[in-house]
Amino acid sequence: MRAEKSNKSTEKVARKLHNGIDAADERIDEAVDAFSERLAKLEDRLREQGDKLLSNARDARDSASEQVRAHPLAAFGVAFVAGITIARLFRR
């Protein structure tokens, strides 16, 4: 009789543990899925921002290139002054 009660109690505890583990596993799966979705959205946003940044850099390069072609002496003067300024800063 005692062995039978002990056996039923053990089975009851085992069932509860198994149900608890299943519930925890389900919650973990949901959390992983939610995290994966957020990560995918973040990746998309970063790609978009990177593409915009690259596009802006190309536009700035093209604009600077056009200005140098249009005003070569002014570009040379700006580069010369920038070089002197950088040299003075590094001397200190």
Protein backbone atom coordinates (compact mmCIF):
# COMPACT_ATOMS: atom_id res chain seq x y z
CA MET A 1 0.00 0.00 0.00
CA ARG A 2 2.78 2.43 0.91
CA ALA A 3 4.72 1.53 -2.19
CA GLU A 4 1.63 2.13 -4.29
CA LYS A 5 1.06 5.59 -2.74
CA SER A 6 4.72 6.43 -3.15
CA ASN A 7 4.60 5.33 -6.76
CA LYS A 8 1.53 7.51 -7.46
CA SER A 9 3.14 10.50 -5.72
CA THR A 10 6.30 10.03 -7.75
CA GLU A 11 4.30 9.84 -10.97
CA LYS A 12 2.34 12.96 -10.00
CA VAL A 13 5.54 14.91 -9.28
CA ALA A 14 7.11 13.63 -12.49
CA ARG A 15 4.05 14.76 -14.49
CA LYS A 16 4.15 18.22 -12.91
CA LEU A 17 7.86 18.53 -13.62
CA HIS A 18 7.35 17.40 -17.19
CA ASN A 19 4.52 19.94 -17.67
CA GLY A 20 6.67 22.67 -16.14
CA ILE A 21 9.56 21.83 -18.42
CA ASP A 22 7.26 21.82 -21.45
CA ALA A 23 5.87 25.23 -20.48
CA ALA A 24 9.36 26.64 -19.97
CA ASP A 25 10.47 25.21 -23.31
CA GLU A 26 7.51 26.86 -25.02
CA ARG A 27 8.27 30.22 -23.39
CA ILE A 28 11.92 29.96 -24.42
CA ASP A 29 10.88 29.20 -28.02
CA GLU A 30 8.58 32.23 -28.03
CA ALA A 31 11.33 34.45 -26.62
CA VAL A 32 13.82 33.20 -29.22
CA ASP A 33 11.31 33.82 -32.01
CA ALA A 34 10.60 37.35 -30.75
CA PHE A 35 14.32 38.07 -30.44
CA SER A 36 14.94 36.75 -33.95
CA GLU A 37 12.22 39.01 -35.36
CA ARG A 38 13.64 42.06 -33.59
CA LEU A 39 17.13 41.19 -34.77
CA ALA A 40 15.93 40.85 -38.37
CA LYS A 41 14.20 44.24 -38.17
CA LEU A 42 17.32 45.82 -36.72
CA GLU A 43 19.44 44.26 -39.46
CA ASP A 44 17.10 45.71 -42.10
CA ARG A 45 17.24 49.16 -40.51
CA LEU A 46 21.03 49.04 -40.32
CA ARG A 47 21.25 48.01 -43.96
CA GLU A 48 18.97 50.87 -44.99
CA GLN A 49 20.98 53.39 -42.96
CA GLY A 50 24.24 52.02 -44.35
CA ASP A 51 22.92 52.32 -47.89
CA LYS A 52 21.82 55.91 -47.23
CA LEU A 53 25.19 56.75 -45.72
CA LEU A 54 27.02 55.24 -48.68
CA SER A 55 24.78 57.12 -51.09
CA ASN A 56 25.41 60.40 -49.26
CA ALA A 57 29.17 59.77 -49.29
CA ARG A 58 29.07 59.13 -53.04
CA ASP A 59 27.05 62.32 -53.58
CA ALA A 60 29.56 64.32 -51.50
CA ARG A 61 32.46 62.80 -53.45
CA ASP A 62 30.79 63.62 -56.77
CA SER A 63 30.04 67.16 -55.62
CA ALA A 64 33.61 67.71 -54.46
CA SER A 65 34.92 66.27 -57.71
CA GLU A 66 32.73 68.67 -59.71
CA GLN A 67 33.93 71.63 -57.64
CA VAL A 68 37.58 70.68 -58.18
CA ARG A 69 36.99 70.43 -61.93
CA ALA A 70 35.15 73.74 -61.99
CA HIS A 71 37.66 75.60 -59.77
CA PRO A 72 41.05 73.85 -59.86
CA LEU A 73 43.07 76.80 -58.47
CA ALA A 74 40.71 77.27 -55.53
CA ALA A 75 40.88 73.53 -54.82
CA PHE A 76 44.69 73.66 -54.91
CA GLY A 77 44.65 76.64 -52.51
CA VAL A 78 42.33 74.89 -50.07
CA ALA A 79 44.45 71.73 -50.16
CA PHE A 80 47.63 73.76 -49.65
CA VAL A 81 46.21 75.63 -46.62
CA ALA A 82 44.84 72.40 -45.16
CA GLY A 83 48.27 70.77 -45.54
CA ILE A 84 50.02 73.64 -43.79
CA THR A 85 47.45 73.60 -40.98
CA ILE A 86 47.81 69.85 -40.44
CA ALA A 87 51.61 70.11 -40.50
CA ARG A 88 51.51 72.82 -37.82
CA LEU A 89 49.17 70.79 -35.64
CA PHE A 90 51.46 67.74 -35.81
CA ARG A 91 54.57 69.77 -34.97
CA ARG A 92 53.22 70.63 -31.54
